[in-house]
Amino acid sequence: MQNKILRLLGLAKRSGNLISGYNTCIHYINKNKIKLLIIAEDASENTKEKFIQLALNKKIKYIVWGNKEELSHSIGMDNRSVIGIDNKNFISAILAELEK
């Protein structure tokens, strides 16, 4: 399950359907471009609280899952604790894997 989700994140990044990073995600959330937020379990409490509150205010689905190292490695970047997805198909596939 976990490996499949990480592979889906890598595919989303390569296809241009993934936004990563603290400030970039905030920018795209405010533009209503993100439909799913993935927040790393080991993100700081302030980061978790801020993004959960933003997600609730903007009615965006969110999950707290994985750790920063796994998430960052899956998308080929360093030190990412927040990832946004804007494609319905990727979101459906990720959520389906989490339900298994």
N, C-alpha and C. Protein backbone atom coordinates (compact mmCIF):
# COMPACT_ATOMS: atom_id res chain seq x y z
N MET A 1 0.83 -1.20 0.00
CA MET A 1 0.00 0.00 0.00
C MET A 1 0.87 1.25 0.00
N GLN A 2 1.79 1.34 0.97
CA GLN A 2 2.59 2.55 1.11
C GLN A 2 3.43 2.82 -0.13
N ASN A 3 4.04 1.75 -0.68
CA ASN A 3 4.87 1.94 -1.86
C ASN A 3 4.04 2.40 -3.05
N LYS A 4 2.82 1.89 -3.18
CA LYS A 4 1.97 2.30 -4.30
C LYS A 4 1.59 3.77 -4.19
N ILE A 5 1.30 4.23 -2.98
CA ILE A 5 0.98 5.65 -2.79
C ILE A 5 2.18 6.52 -3.13
N LEU A 6 3.35 6.10 -2.69
CA LEU A 6 4.56 6.87 -2.99
C LEU A 6 4.82 6.90 -4.49
N ARG A 7 4.57 5.78 -5.18
CA ARG A 7 4.73 5.77 -6.64
C ARG A 7 3.71 6.70 -7.31
N LEU A 8 2.48 6.71 -6.80
CA LEU A 8 1.46 7.61 -7.34
C LEU A 8 1.87 9.07 -7.16
N LEU A 9 2.49 9.39 -6.03
CA LEU A 9 2.96 10.76 -5.81
C LEU A 9 4.05 11.12 -6.81
N GLY A 10 4.96 10.17 -7.08
CA GLY A 10 6.00 10.41 -8.08
C GLY A 10 5.41 10.64 -9.46
N LEU A 11 4.41 9.85 -9.82
CA LEU A 11 3.74 10.03 -11.12
C LEU A 11 3.03 11.38 -11.18
N ALA A 12 2.38 11.76 -10.09
CA ALA A 12 1.69 13.05 -10.06
C ALA A 12 2.69 14.20 -10.24
N LYS A 13 3.86 14.07 -9.63
CA LYS A 13 4.89 15.11 -9.76
C LYS A 13 5.35 15.21 -11.22
N ARG A 14 5.63 14.06 -11.83
CA ARG A 14 6.12 14.06 -13.21
C ARG A 14 5.06 14.57 -14.19
N SER A 15 3.78 14.37 -13.86
CA SER A 15 2.72 14.81 -14.76
C SER A 15 2.29 16.25 -14.51
N GLY A 16 2.89 16.89 -13.50
CA GLY A 16 2.56 18.29 -13.23
C GLY A 16 1.31 18.49 -12.40
N ASN A 17 0.87 17.45 -11.69
CA ASN A 17 -0.35 17.53 -10.88
C ASN A 17 -0.07 17.58 -9.39
N LEU A 18 1.16 17.89 -9.02
CA LEU A 18 1.55 17.89 -7.61
C LEU A 18 2.24 19.21 -7.28
N ILE A 19 1.88 19.76 -6.15
CA ILE A 19 2.47 21.01 -5.64
C ILE A 19 3.10 20.65 -4.31
N SER A 20 4.33 21.11 -4.07
CA SER A 20 4.97 20.76 -2.80
C SER A 20 5.62 21.98 -2.18
N GLY A 21 5.75 21.92 -0.87
CA GLY A 21 6.40 23.00 -0.15
C GLY A 21 5.40 23.89 0.58
N TYR A 22 5.85 24.42 1.68
CA TYR A 22 5.01 25.20 2.59
C TYR A 22 4.37 26.40 1.88
N ASN A 23 5.20 27.32 1.40
CA ASN A 23 4.69 28.56 0.80
C ASN A 23 3.95 28.32 -0.51
N THR A 24 4.45 27.40 -1.31
CA THR A 24 3.81 27.11 -2.59
C THR A 24 2.42 26.53 -2.37
N CYS A 25 2.29 25.64 -1.41
CA CYS A 25 0.97 25.06 -1.12
C CYS A 25 0.00 26.12 -0.61
N ILE A 26 0.47 27.01 0.26
CA ILE A 26 -0.40 28.09 0.74
C ILE A 26 -0.91 28.93 -0.44
N HIS A 27 0.01 29.27 -1.35
CA HIS A 27 -0.35 30.07 -2.52
C HIS A 27 -1.44 29.38 -3.35
N TYR A 28 -1.24 28.08 -3.63
CA TYR A 28 -2.21 27.36 -4.46
C TYR A 28 -3.51 27.05 -3.73
N ILE A 29 -3.45 26.90 -2.41
CA ILE A 29 -4.68 26.73 -1.64
C ILE A 29 -5.53 27.99 -1.76
N ASN A 30 -4.90 29.14 -1.63
CA ASN A 30 -5.63 30.40 -1.72
C ASN A 30 -6.19 30.65 -3.12
N LYS A 31 -5.58 30.04 -4.13
CA LYS A 31 -6.09 30.14 -5.50
C LYS A 31 -7.08 29.02 -5.82
N ASN A 32 -7.42 28.20 -4.82
CA ASN A 32 -8.35 27.07 -4.98
C ASN A 32 -7.89 26.07 -6.03
N LYS A 33 -6.58 25.81 -6.10
CA LYS A 33 -6.04 24.88 -7.08
C LYS A 33 -5.74 23.50 -6.49
N ILE A 34 -5.72 23.37 -5.17
CA ILE A 34 -5.40 22.09 -4.53
C ILE A 34 -6.69 21.43 -4.06
N LYS A 35 -6.80 20.12 -4.36
CA LYS A 35 -8.00 19.39 -3.97
C LYS A 35 -7.73 18.35 -2.89
N LEU A 36 -6.45 18.00 -2.67
CA LEU A 36 -6.07 17.09 -1.60
C LEU A 36 -4.73 17.54 -1.03
N LEU A 37 -4.66 17.64 0.28
CA LEU A 37 -3.41 17.96 0.98
C LEU A 37 -2.91 16.72 1.69
N ILE A 38 -1.62 16.46 1.54
CA ILE A 38 -0.98 15.39 2.30
C ILE A 38 0.03 16.06 3.21
N ILE A 39 -0.15 15.87 4.50
CA ILE A 39 0.72 16.49 5.50
C ILE A 39 1.51 15.37 6.18
N ALA A 40 2.82 15.52 6.25
CA ALA A 40 3.67 14.50 6.87
C ALA A 40 3.36 14.38 8.35
N GLU A 41 3.39 13.15 8.84
CA GLU A 41 3.13 12.92 10.27
C GLU A 41 4.18 13.59 11.15
N ASP A 42 5.42 13.70 10.64
CA ASP A 42 6.48 14.30 11.44
C ASP A 42 6.69 15.79 11.14
N ALA A 43 5.71 16.41 10.50
CA ALA A 43 5.77 17.87 10.31
C ALA A 43 5.59 18.53 11.68
N SER A 44 6.05 19.75 11.80
CA SER A 44 5.90 20.44 13.09
C SER A 44 4.42 20.63 13.42
N GLU A 45 4.13 20.73 14.69
CA GLU A 45 2.74 20.91 15.12
C GLU A 45 2.13 22.18 14.52
N ASN A 46 2.93 23.24 14.43
CA ASN A 46 2.44 24.50 13.83
C ASN A 46 2.06 24.29 12.37
N THR A 47 2.90 23.56 11.64
CA THR A 47 2.61 23.30 10.22
C THR A 47 1.34 22.48 10.09
N LYS A 48 1.21 21.43 10.89
CA LYS A 48 0.00 20.59 10.83
C LYS A 48 -1.24 21.43 11.12
N GLU A 49 -1.19 22.20 12.21
CA GLU A 49 -2.35 23.01 12.59
C GLU A 49 -2.71 24.02 11.52
N LYS A 50 -1.71 24.68 10.95
CA LYS A 50 -1.97 25.70 9.93
C LYS A 50 -2.63 25.09 8.69
N PHE A 51 -2.09 23.97 8.20
CA PHE A 51 -2.63 23.38 6.98
C PHE A 51 -3.96 22.67 7.21
N ILE A 52 -4.14 22.09 8.36
CA ILE A 52 -5.44 21.49 8.66
C ILE A 52 -6.51 22.58 8.72
N GLN A 53 -6.18 23.69 9.37
CA GLN A 53 -7.14 24.80 9.45
C GLN A 53 -7.43 25.38 8.06
N LEU A 54 -6.38 25.55 7.24
CA LEU A 54 -6.59 26.03 5.86
C LEU A 54 -7.49 25.07 5.09
N ALA A 55 -7.22 23.77 5.23
CA ALA A 55 -8.02 22.76 4.52
C ALA A 55 -9.48 22.81 4.95
N LEU A 56 -9.70 22.93 6.24
CA LEU A 56 -11.08 23.00 6.74
C LEU A 56 -11.78 24.26 6.26
N ASN A 57 -11.08 25.40 6.28
CA ASN A 57 -11.67 26.66 5.84
C ASN A 57 -12.01 26.65 4.35
N LYS A 58 -11.16 26.02 3.54
CA LYS A 58 -11.35 25.99 2.09
C LYS A 58 -12.08 24.73 1.62
N LYS A 59 -12.48 23.87 2.58
CA LYS A 59 -13.18 22.62 2.27
C LYS A 59 -12.36 21.72 1.34
N ILE A 60 -11.09 21.54 1.70
CA ILE A 60 -10.15 20.69 0.95
C ILE A 60 -9.95 19.41 1.76
N LYS A 61 -9.96 18.27 1.07
CA LYS A 61 -9.64 17.01 1.75
C LYS A 61 -8.18 17.05 2.18
N TYR A 62 -7.91 16.45 3.33
CA TYR A 62 -6.52 16.36 3.77
C TYR A 62 -6.29 15.04 4.49
N ILE A 63 -5.04 14.60 4.45
CA ILE A 63 -4.64 13.43 5.22
C ILE A 63 -3.30 13.73 5.87
N VAL A 64 -3.11 13.19 7.05
CA VAL A 64 -1.81 13.25 7.72
C VAL A 64 -1.25 11.85 7.57
N TRP A 65 -0.20 11.72 6.75
CA TRP A 65 0.29 10.40 6.37
C TRP A 65 1.76 10.46 6.00
N GLY A 66 2.48 9.41 6.28
CA GLY A 66 3.88 9.29 5.88
C GLY A 66 4.79 10.20 6.69
N ASN A 67 6.06 10.17 6.32
CA ASN A 67 6.99 11.09 6.95
C ASN A 67 7.69 11.93 5.89
N LYS A 68 8.35 12.98 6.34
CA LYS A 68 8.96 13.93 5.40
C LYS A 68 9.95 13.26 4.47
N GLU A 69 10.74 12.35 5.00
CA GLU A 69 11.77 11.70 4.18
C GLU A 69 11.15 10.89 3.04
N GLU A 70 10.12 10.08 3.36
CA GLU A 70 9.45 9.27 2.34
C GLU A 70 8.77 10.14 1.29
N LEU A 71 8.03 11.13 1.76
CA LEU A 71 7.31 12.01 0.83
C LEU A 71 8.28 12.75 -0.07
N SER A 72 9.33 13.29 0.51
CA SER A 72 10.31 14.05 -0.27
C SER A 72 11.00 13.16 -1.29
N HIS A 73 11.41 11.98 -0.86
CA HIS A 73 12.10 11.06 -1.76
C HIS A 73 11.20 10.63 -2.92
N SER A 74 9.92 10.41 -2.64
CA SER A 74 9.00 9.93 -3.68
C SER A 74 8.81 10.95 -4.80
N ILE A 75 8.99 12.24 -4.48
CA ILE A 75 8.81 13.27 -5.51
C ILE A 75 10.14 13.86 -5.97
N GLY A 76 11.25 13.30 -5.48
CA GLY A 76 12.57 13.74 -5.92
C GLY A 76 12.98 15.10 -5.40
N MET A 77 12.54 15.45 -4.21
CA MET A 77 12.89 16.74 -3.62
C MET A 77 13.36 16.52 -2.19
N ASP A 78 13.80 17.59 -1.56
CA ASP A 78 14.29 17.51 -0.18
C ASP A 78 13.36 18.24 0.77
N ASN A 79 13.19 17.65 1.95
CA ASN A 79 12.55 18.30 3.10
C ASN A 79 11.17 18.89 2.79
N ARG A 80 10.27 18.06 2.28
CA ARG A 80 8.90 18.50 2.01
C ARG A 80 7.96 17.87 3.02
N SER A 81 7.23 18.71 3.74
CA SER A 81 6.30 18.18 4.73
C SER A 81 4.84 18.36 4.30
N VAL A 82 4.63 19.10 3.22
CA VAL A 82 3.26 19.33 2.73
C VAL A 82 3.26 19.13 1.22
N ILE A 83 2.27 18.37 0.76
CA ILE A 83 2.12 18.10 -0.67
C ILE A 83 0.66 18.34 -1.03
N GLY A 84 0.43 18.99 -2.16
CA GLY A 84 -0.91 19.21 -2.66
C GLY A 84 -1.10 18.52 -4.00
N ILE A 85 -2.26 17.95 -4.21
CA ILE A 85 -2.60 17.27 -5.47
C ILE A 85 -3.81 17.99 -6.06
N ASP A 86 -3.79 18.20 -7.38
CA ASP A 86 -4.90 18.90 -8.01
C ASP A 86 -5.63 18.08 -9.07
N ASN A 87 -5.33 16.79 -9.17
CA ASN A 87 -5.95 15.94 -10.19
C ASN A 87 -6.88 14.92 -9.53
N LYS A 88 -8.13 14.87 -9.98
CA LYS A 88 -9.14 13.98 -9.38
C LYS A 88 -8.75 12.50 -9.48
N ASN A 89 -8.14 12.11 -10.59
CA ASN A 89 -7.78 10.70 -10.77
C ASN A 89 -6.70 10.26 -9.79
N PHE A 90 -5.68 11.10 -9.60
CA PHE A 90 -4.65 10.78 -8.63
C PHE A 90 -5.23 10.75 -7.21
N ILE A 91 -6.11 11.70 -6.91
CA ILE A 91 -6.73 11.76 -5.59
C ILE A 91 -7.54 10.49 -5.33
N SER A 92 -8.32 10.07 -6.30
CA SER A 92 -9.13 8.85 -6.15
C SER A 92 -8.25 7.64 -5.92
N ALA A 93 -7.17 7.52 -6.68
CA ALA A 93 -6.27 6.37 -6.55
C ALA A 93 -5.59 6.36 -5.19
N ILE A 94 -5.14 7.51 -4.72
CA ILE A 94 -4.47 7.61 -3.41
C ILE A 94 -5.44 7.27 -2.29
N LEU A 95 -6.64 7.85 -2.33
CA LEU A 95 -7.62 7.58 -1.28
C LEU A 95 -8.07 6.12 -1.29
N ALA A 96 -8.17 5.53 -2.47
CA ALA A 96 -8.55 4.11 -2.57
C ALA A 96 -7.47 3.25 -1.92
N GLU A 97 -6.22 3.57 -2.13
CA GLU A 97 -5.12 2.80 -1.51
C GLU A 97 -5.13 2.95 -0.01
N LEU A 98 -5.44 4.13 0.48
CA LEU A 98 -5.47 4.34 1.92
C LEU A 98 -6.59 3.57 2.59
N GLU A 99 -7.68 3.33 1.88
CA GLU A 99 -8.81 2.60 2.44
C GLU A 99 -8.57 1.11 2.52
N LYS A 100 -7.59 0.61 1.79
CA LYS A 100 -7.30 -0.85 1.79
C LYS A 100 -6.74 -1.29 3.11
